[in-house]
Amino acid sequence: MISSQILQNTIDELHSITRIDFSVMDVEGNEIATTIPTDYLLPQAIVQFANSPADSQVVQNAHFFKIYDEKTLEYILISRGSSEDAYMIGRVAVSQIQNLIIAYKERYDRNNFIQNLILDNMLLIDIYNRAKKLHIETEVRRIVYIIETKNEKDSAAVEIVKGLFSNRTKDFITEVDEKSIILVQELKEQDGYETVEETARMLRDMLNSEAMMNVRIAYGTIVDEIRQVSRSYKEAKMALDVGKIFYMEKSIIAYNTLGIGRLIYQLPIPLCQMFMKEVFTEKMPDSFDEETLTTINKFFENNLNVSETARQLYIHRNTLVYRLEKLQKSTGLDIRAFDDALTFKIAMMVVSYMKYMEQAMQ
């Protein structure tokens, strides 16, 4: 339904142009919007007109008109005055409000369609039939972004995102939960992942500066057909979850850059526990002290380069070698060797995943 403010703005504009006064009432005679006081109108006169078969009528020195939403009577419009001008301008106002009803209903229907589309709540044939009815192109390139706030999002964040894309009528902004804003963006043929990354940065920076909100943004892969939009949404959702486990330092996460983290995220917990027991019989990676963990992480950051790691840790090379040999004795893995380093890295990621899932289940 159209808000009373929209109706008020509409009749205010018509009044400023025509100098005719208007009132919009519901079918029970309650005032919704008006340019003049309606004390002179009797509610029962409006109810009687609403129940009559006539679509327009002169009552109490005013023209009454019926406004329908499809076949349902939605509003009564009153055009003040009994002259021919009041009648003609009243018909124009009816047409204007009727078109607003259609436009807002279509907007709601499009939003509802996109929500059901991304959540996989539609049959394939219904997707194409409804898209055609709503004038939504089916074979264009699209991508889905999820913008997640730390707390429940406020209306300001949604309005900022809508404002950024207000001139792009083929993009859709919707919501499916309390903490996420979803953007389904149509892309041009020349747009690639660089363009997508730029859009994600722009969204992050605008929300950080305008709404003072720290957000995390994830996006899926580019799809070519409307039925694949749900896939891009699922990919973005997975990227958001995987990012929380393995890439907490990143505020923008792309599905196609998740790497091995995406594989670990899909492993069942019993299998992870079995893997950890096989690799580390006693000492688990999460039981190491802070110094050891810092050394390991820095060693991996420097691609197993002993000299560079020692330099960045401000320690002697031999001290680093001693720490790595001590680690080898306690775990049986020499992370200076590629195979052992890979096993150890995966094990640390598995531990992070298991901790995250344990907290999520609490």
Protein backbone atom coordinates (compact mmCIF):
# COMPACT_ATOMS: atom_id res chain seq x y z
CA MET A 1 0.00 0.00 0.00
CA ILE A 2 1.14 3.55 -0.70
CA SER A 3 2.20 5.51 2.38
CA SER A 4 0.11 8.47 3.50
CA GLN A 5 3.14 10.73 2.98
CA ILE A 6 3.35 9.76 -0.72
CA LEU A 7 -0.37 10.46 -1.14
CA GLN A 8 0.01 13.79 0.67
CA ASN A 9 2.90 14.84 -1.58
CA THR A 10 0.89 13.87 -4.67
CA ILE A 11 -2.19 15.91 -3.84
CA ASP A 12 -0.04 18.82 -2.60
CA GLU A 13 1.66 18.98 -6.02
CA LEU A 14 -1.69 18.78 -7.82
CA HIS A 15 -3.10 21.50 -5.59
CA SER A 16 -0.14 23.83 -6.23
CA ILE A 17 -0.65 23.43 -10.00
CA THR A 18 -4.47 23.53 -10.22
CA ARG A 19 -5.54 25.40 -7.04
CA ILE A 20 -8.12 22.66 -6.50
CA ASP A 21 -8.31 21.18 -3.00
CA PHE A 22 -8.27 17.38 -2.55
CA SER A 23 -8.77 14.82 0.18
CA VAL A 24 -8.00 11.12 0.12
CA MET A 25 -10.11 9.00 2.47
CA ASP A 26 -10.33 5.30 3.19
CA VAL A 27 -13.59 3.45 2.54
CA GLU A 28 -14.70 4.00 6.16
CA GLY A 29 -14.41 7.78 5.90
CA ASN A 30 -11.07 8.20 7.71
CA GLU A 31 -8.77 10.92 6.38
CA ILE A 32 -5.45 9.74 4.88
CA ALA A 33 -4.21 12.90 3.14
CA THR A 34 -5.74 16.31 2.47
CA THR A 35 -4.99 19.87 1.36
CA ILE A 36 -7.88 21.33 3.41
CA PRO A 37 -9.67 20.47 6.68
CA THR A 38 -12.37 17.88 6.07
CA ASP A 39 -14.63 18.81 8.99
CA TYR A 40 -17.39 19.70 6.55
CA LEU A 41 -17.53 16.10 5.28
CA LEU A 42 -19.76 13.56 6.98
CA PRO A 43 -18.11 10.12 7.25
CA GLN A 44 -21.44 8.43 6.56
CA ALA A 45 -21.64 10.24 3.20
CA ILE A 46 -18.29 8.68 2.23
CA VAL A 47 -19.38 5.23 3.43
CA GLN A 48 -22.65 5.52 1.48
CA PHE A 49 -20.75 6.52 -1.67
CA ALA A 50 -18.29 3.65 -1.16
CA ASN A 51 -21.19 1.19 -1.01
CA SER A 52 -22.98 2.68 -4.02
CA PRO A 53 -22.51 1.38 -7.60
CA ALA A 54 -21.41 4.81 -8.87
CA ASP A 55 -17.71 5.50 -9.62
CA SER A 56 -18.15 9.28 -9.20
CA GLN A 57 -20.76 11.52 -7.63
CA VAL A 58 -21.33 15.12 -6.50
CA VAL A 59 -21.85 15.24 -2.72
CA GLN A 60 -21.82 18.30 -0.43
CA ASN A 61 -20.38 20.65 -3.08
CA ALA A 62 -17.57 18.22 -3.91
CA HIS A 63 -16.84 15.53 -6.46
CA PHE A 64 -16.36 12.04 -5.00
CA PHE A 65 -14.33 9.46 -6.93
CA LYS A 66 -13.49 5.82 -6.32
CA ILE A 67 -9.91 4.56 -6.66
CA TYR A 68 -9.35 0.83 -7.11
CA ASP A 69 -6.46 -1.52 -6.56
CA GLU A 70 -7.29 -3.94 -9.37
CA LYS A 71 -10.93 -4.74 -8.47
CA THR A 72 -10.74 -3.79 -4.78
CA LEU A 73 -11.92 -0.33 -3.71
CA GLU A 74 -8.92 1.24 -1.98
CA TYR A 75 -9.55 4.99 -1.60
CA ILE A 76 -12.15 7.70 -2.01
CA LEU A 77 -10.83 10.90 -3.61
CA ILE A 78 -12.68 14.14 -2.95
CA SER A 79 -12.19 17.10 -5.29
CA ARG A 80 -13.54 20.28 -3.65
CA GLY A 81 -16.06 22.19 -5.77
CA SER A 82 -18.92 21.23 -8.06
CA SER A 83 -17.58 22.88 -11.24
CA GLU A 84 -16.52 21.08 -14.41
CA ASP A 85 -12.89 21.98 -13.66
CA ALA A 86 -13.08 20.28 -10.25
CA TYR A 87 -14.45 17.18 -11.98
CA MET A 88 -11.78 17.08 -14.71
CA ILE A 89 -8.89 17.73 -12.31
CA GLY A 90 -10.37 15.09 -9.98
CA ARG A 91 -10.23 12.55 -12.81
CA VAL A 92 -6.57 13.48 -13.38
CA ALA A 93 -5.85 12.96 -9.66
CA VAL A 94 -7.58 9.57 -9.73
CA SER A 95 -5.45 8.53 -12.70
CA GLN A 96 -2.28 9.73 -10.94
CA ILE A 97 -3.02 7.80 -7.73
CA GLN A 98 -4.12 4.75 -9.73
CA ASN A 99 -0.74 4.73 -11.49
CA LEU A 100 1.04 5.12 -8.15
CA ILE A 101 -0.78 2.05 -6.82
CA ILE A 102 0.33 0.03 -9.84
CA ALA A 103 3.93 1.28 -9.61
CA TYR A 104 4.25 0.59 -5.88
CA LYS A 105 2.58 -2.76 -6.18
CA GLU A 106 4.95 -3.74 -8.98
CA ARG A 107 7.87 -2.54 -6.89
CA TYR A 108 6.69 -4.71 -3.99
CA ASP A 109 6.12 -7.65 -6.31
CA ARG A 110 9.62 -7.27 -7.78
CA ASN A 111 11.13 -7.20 -4.29
CA ASN A 112 9.10 -10.25 -3.30
CA PHE A 113 10.19 -12.00 -6.51
CA ILE A 114 13.89 -11.32 -5.85
CA GLN A 115 13.61 -12.57 -2.26
CA ASN A 116 11.98 -15.82 -3.37
CA LEU A 117 14.48 -16.14 -6.21
CA ILE A 118 17.61 -15.93 -4.04
CA LEU A 119 16.12 -18.21 -1.40
CA ASP A 120 15.25 -20.88 -4.00
CA ASN A 121 11.54 -20.72 -3.17
CA MET A 122 10.35 -20.89 -6.79
CA LEU A 123 9.97 -23.50 -9.48
CA LEU A 124 12.02 -22.94 -12.63
CA ILE A 125 8.95 -22.28 -14.80
CA ASP A 126 7.61 -19.77 -12.25
CA ILE A 127 10.90 -17.86 -12.29
CA TYR A 128 10.66 -17.15 -16.02
CA ASN A 129 6.90 -16.51 -16.00
CA ARG A 130 7.06 -14.00 -13.16
CA ALA A 131 10.18 -12.34 -14.53
CA LYS A 132 8.38 -11.77 -17.82
CA LYS A 133 5.31 -10.37 -16.04
CA LEU A 134 7.48 -8.00 -13.97
CA HIS A 135 9.54 -6.93 -17.01
CA ILE A 136 12.78 -8.34 -15.58
CA GLU A 137 15.31 -9.52 -18.15
CA THR A 138 16.28 -13.16 -17.75
CA GLU A 139 19.51 -13.43 -19.73
CA VAL A 140 21.81 -10.71 -18.45
CA ARG A 141 24.96 -10.85 -16.32
CA ARG A 142 24.33 -10.38 -12.60
CA ILE A 143 26.14 -10.77 -9.28
CA VAL A 144 24.96 -10.87 -5.67
CA TYR A 145 26.54 -8.93 -2.79
CA ILE A 146 25.72 -9.44 0.89
CA ILE A 147 26.40 -6.45 3.14
CA GLU A 148 26.48 -7.55 6.78
CA THR A 149 26.44 -5.22 9.77
CA LYS A 150 27.66 -6.16 13.25
CA ASN A 151 24.35 -5.24 14.84
CA GLU A 152 20.84 -5.13 13.49
CA LYS A 153 20.88 -2.79 10.51
CA ASP A 154 19.03 0.50 10.71
CA SER A 155 17.00 2.15 7.98
CA ALA A 156 19.84 4.63 7.29
CA ALA A 157 22.12 1.88 5.98
CA VAL A 158 19.42 0.55 3.65
CA GLU A 159 18.62 4.05 2.40
CA ILE A 160 22.30 4.79 1.70
CA VAL A 161 22.61 1.64 -0.41
CA LYS A 162 19.35 2.44 -2.23
CA GLY A 163 20.54 6.00 -2.80
CA LEU A 164 23.79 4.80 -4.36
CA PHE A 165 21.85 2.73 -6.89
CA SER A 166 18.76 4.95 -7.29
CA ASN A 167 19.49 5.64 -10.97
CA ARG A 168 20.06 1.95 -11.74
CA THR A 169 16.53 0.62 -12.11
CA LYS A 170 17.69 -2.87 -13.07
CA ASP A 171 19.52 -3.46 -9.78
CA PHE A 172 17.65 -4.85 -6.76
CA ILE A 173 18.20 -4.14 -3.07
CA THR A 174 16.40 -6.34 -0.59
CA GLU A 175 16.67 -7.96 2.85
CA VAL A 176 16.10 -11.49 4.13
CA ASP A 177 17.27 -11.14 7.76
CA GLU A 178 18.00 -8.52 10.43
CA LYS A 179 21.72 -8.04 9.74
CA SER A 180 22.13 -8.26 5.98
CA ILE A 181 21.38 -6.06 2.98
CA ILE A 182 21.40 -7.89 -0.35
CA LEU A 183 22.29 -6.24 -3.64
CA VAL A 184 21.59 -8.02 -6.93
CA GLN A 185 23.51 -5.99 -9.50
CA GLU A 186 23.21 -6.15 -13.27
CA LEU A 187 26.59 -5.99 -15.02
CA LYS A 188 27.60 -4.82 -18.45
CA GLU A 189 29.41 -7.16 -20.84
CA GLN A 190 32.76 -5.50 -20.17
CA ASP A 191 32.37 -5.57 -16.36
CA GLY A 192 34.56 -8.14 -14.62
CA TYR A 193 35.61 -8.91 -11.06
CA GLU A 194 37.72 -5.74 -10.88
CA THR A 195 34.53 -3.70 -11.37
CA VAL A 196 32.74 -5.85 -8.78
CA GLU A 197 35.56 -5.32 -6.27
CA GLU A 198 35.41 -1.54 -6.86
CA THR A 199 31.66 -1.57 -6.18
CA ALA A 200 32.22 -3.52 -2.94
CA ARG A 201 34.87 -1.01 -1.81
CA MET A 202 32.57 1.90 -2.64
CA LEU A 203 29.74 0.36 -0.59
CA ARG A 204 32.04 -0.31 2.36
CA ASP A 205 33.53 3.19 2.34
CA MET A 206 30.14 4.92 2.00
CA LEU A 207 28.58 2.95 4.86
CA ASN A 208 31.65 3.51 7.01
CA SER A 209 31.63 7.27 6.44
CA GLU A 210 27.91 8.07 6.06
CA ALA A 211 26.29 5.57 8.47
CA MET A 212 29.34 5.14 10.73
CA MET A 213 28.99 1.38 10.37
CA ASN A 214 31.74 -1.20 10.07
CA VAL A 215 30.43 -3.69 7.56
CA ARG A 216 31.65 -6.88 5.94
CA ILE A 217 30.81 -7.42 2.29
CA ALA A 218 30.89 -10.70 0.41
CA TYR A 219 30.02 -11.44 -3.18
CA GLY A 220 29.48 -14.56 -5.28
CA THR A 221 30.40 -15.28 -8.88
CA ILE A 222 29.00 -13.59 -12.00
CA VAL A 223 26.03 -15.49 -13.49
CA ASP A 224 24.44 -15.21 -16.92
CA GLU A 225 20.84 -16.26 -16.29
CA ILE A 226 18.25 -15.23 -13.74
CA ARG A 227 17.82 -18.80 -12.45
CA GLN A 228 21.49 -18.75 -11.39
CA VAL A 229 21.09 -15.72 -9.12
CA SER A 230 20.36 -18.00 -6.14
CA ARG A 231 23.72 -19.70 -6.75
CA SER A 232 25.56 -16.38 -6.59
CA TYR A 233 23.69 -15.57 -3.35
CA LYS A 234 24.68 -18.92 -1.78
CA GLU A 235 28.28 -18.33 -2.83
CA ALA A 236 28.26 -14.86 -1.24
CA LYS A 237 26.78 -16.31 1.95
CA MET A 238 29.47 -18.99 2.06
CA ALA A 239 32.15 -16.36 1.46
CA LEU A 240 30.80 -14.38 4.40
CA ASP A 241 30.91 -17.42 6.71
CA VAL A 242 34.31 -18.63 5.53
CA GLY A 243 35.68 -15.11 5.87
CA LYS A 244 34.64 -15.00 9.54
CA ILE A 245 36.62 -18.19 10.20
CA PHE A 246 39.80 -17.78 8.18
CA TYR A 247 40.02 -14.16 6.99
CA MET A 248 38.82 -12.00 9.88
CA GLU A 249 41.16 -9.18 8.85
CA LYS A 250 39.32 -8.74 5.53
CA SER A 251 36.22 -6.56 5.21
CA ILE A 252 35.55 -7.65 1.60
CA ILE A 253 35.52 -11.34 0.72
CA ALA A 254 35.08 -12.77 -2.77
CA TYR A 255 33.87 -16.35 -3.21
CA ASN A 256 36.42 -17.07 -5.95
CA THR A 257 39.33 -16.18 -3.62
CA LEU A 258 38.40 -18.46 -0.70
CA GLY A 259 40.91 -21.14 -1.68
CA ILE A 260 41.31 -24.11 0.64
CA GLY A 261 39.14 -22.45 3.29
CA ARG A 262 36.07 -23.22 1.17
CA LEU A 263 36.94 -26.93 1.14
CA ILE A 264 37.53 -27.09 4.90
CA TYR A 265 34.24 -25.28 5.56
CA GLN A 266 32.34 -28.12 3.87
CA LEU A 267 33.99 -30.90 5.89
CA PRO A 268 31.96 -32.70 8.58
CA ILE A 269 33.24 -32.13 12.13
CA PRO A 270 33.89 -35.88 12.87
CA LEU A 271 36.20 -36.02 9.84
CA CYS A 272 38.07 -32.93 11.08
CA GLN A 273 38.50 -34.48 14.51
CA MET A 274 39.83 -37.67 12.96
CA PHE A 275 42.32 -35.72 10.85
CA MET A 276 43.61 -33.78 13.86
CA LYS A 277 44.14 -36.92 15.92
CA GLU A 278 46.06 -38.56 13.09
CA VAL A 279 48.33 -35.57 12.48
CA PHE A 280 48.80 -34.44 16.09
CA THR A 281 48.68 -37.33 18.49
CA GLU A 282 49.19 -35.14 21.56
CA LYS A 283 49.99 -31.43 21.14
CA MET A 284 47.34 -29.58 19.13
CA PRO A 285 48.16 -26.33 17.23
CA ASP A 286 45.79 -24.27 19.41
CA SER A 287 47.78 -25.23 22.54
CA PHE A 288 50.98 -23.47 21.43
CA ASP A 289 52.12 -20.35 23.28
CA GLU A 290 51.88 -16.90 21.69
CA GLU A 291 55.57 -16.79 20.71
CA THR A 292 55.36 -20.09 18.83
CA LEU A 293 52.14 -19.10 17.02
CA THR A 294 53.63 -15.75 16.01
CA THR A 295 56.73 -17.51 14.68
CA ILE A 296 54.67 -20.02 12.68
CA ASN A 297 52.36 -17.39 11.17
CA LYS A 298 55.25 -15.11 10.22
CA PHE A 299 57.11 -18.07 8.67
CA PHE A 300 54.09 -18.87 6.50
CA GLU A 301 53.63 -15.21 5.55
CA ASN A 302 57.18 -15.18 4.23
CA ASN A 303 56.73 -18.35 2.16
CA LEU A 304 58.95 -20.50 4.41
CA ASN A 305 61.91 -18.10 4.05
CA VAL A 306 64.03 -18.49 7.21
CA SER A 307 66.22 -15.40 6.74
CA GLU A 308 63.34 -13.00 5.99
CA THR A 309 61.25 -14.37 8.86
CA ALA A 310 64.14 -13.94 11.31
CA ARG A 311 64.64 -10.36 10.11
CA GLN A 312 60.97 -9.44 10.56
CA LEU A 313 60.85 -11.05 14.01
CA TYR A 314 64.07 -9.22 15.01
CA ILE A 315 65.76 -12.47 16.06
CA HIS A 316 68.92 -14.26 15.00
CA ARG A 317 68.56 -16.84 12.24
CA ASN A 318 69.81 -19.59 14.55
CA THR A 319 67.15 -18.64 17.13
CA LEU A 320 64.45 -19.13 14.50
CA VAL A 321 65.94 -22.47 13.44
CA TYR A 322 65.97 -23.54 17.09
CA ARG A 323 62.27 -22.66 17.46
CA LEU A 324 61.37 -24.58 14.29
CA GLU A 325 63.33 -27.64 15.43
CA LYS A 326 61.62 -27.48 18.82
CA LEU A 327 58.27 -27.39 17.01
CA GLN A 328 59.31 -30.41 14.94
CA LYS A 329 60.12 -32.40 18.08
CA SER A 330 56.72 -31.68 19.64
CA THR A 331 54.60 -32.27 16.53
CA GLY A 332 56.67 -34.46 14.24
CA LEU A 333 56.31 -31.87 11.45
CA ASP A 334 59.18 -29.88 9.99
CA ILE A 335 57.45 -26.84 8.54
CA ARG A 336 60.62 -25.92 6.63
CA ALA A 337 59.62 -28.73 4.25
CA PHE A 338 56.73 -27.94 1.92
CA ASP A 339 54.65 -31.08 2.58
CA ASP A 340 54.84 -30.71 6.35
CA ALA A 341 54.18 -26.97 6.09
CA LEU A 342 51.06 -27.64 4.00
CA THR A 343 49.80 -30.22 6.52
CA PHE A 344 50.43 -27.85 9.40
CA LYS A 345 48.70 -24.92 7.66
CA ILE A 346 45.63 -27.03 6.90
CA ALA A 347 45.59 -28.27 10.49
CA MET A 348 45.58 -24.72 11.84
CA MET A 349 42.70 -23.82 9.54
CA VAL A 350 40.80 -26.93 10.63
CA VAL A 351 41.23 -25.92 14.27
CA SER A 352 39.82 -22.45 13.50
CA TYR A 353 36.87 -24.05 11.71
CA MET A 354 36.15 -26.46 14.59
CA LYS A 355 36.25 -23.61 17.14
CA TYR A 356 33.89 -21.51 15.03
CA MET A 357 31.40 -24.36 14.66
CA GLU A 358 31.59 -25.12 18.37
CA GLN A 359 30.74 -21.50 19.23
CA ALA A 360 27.96 -21.42 16.63
CA MET A 361 26.28 -24.43 18.25
CA GLN A 362 26.31 -22.92 21.74
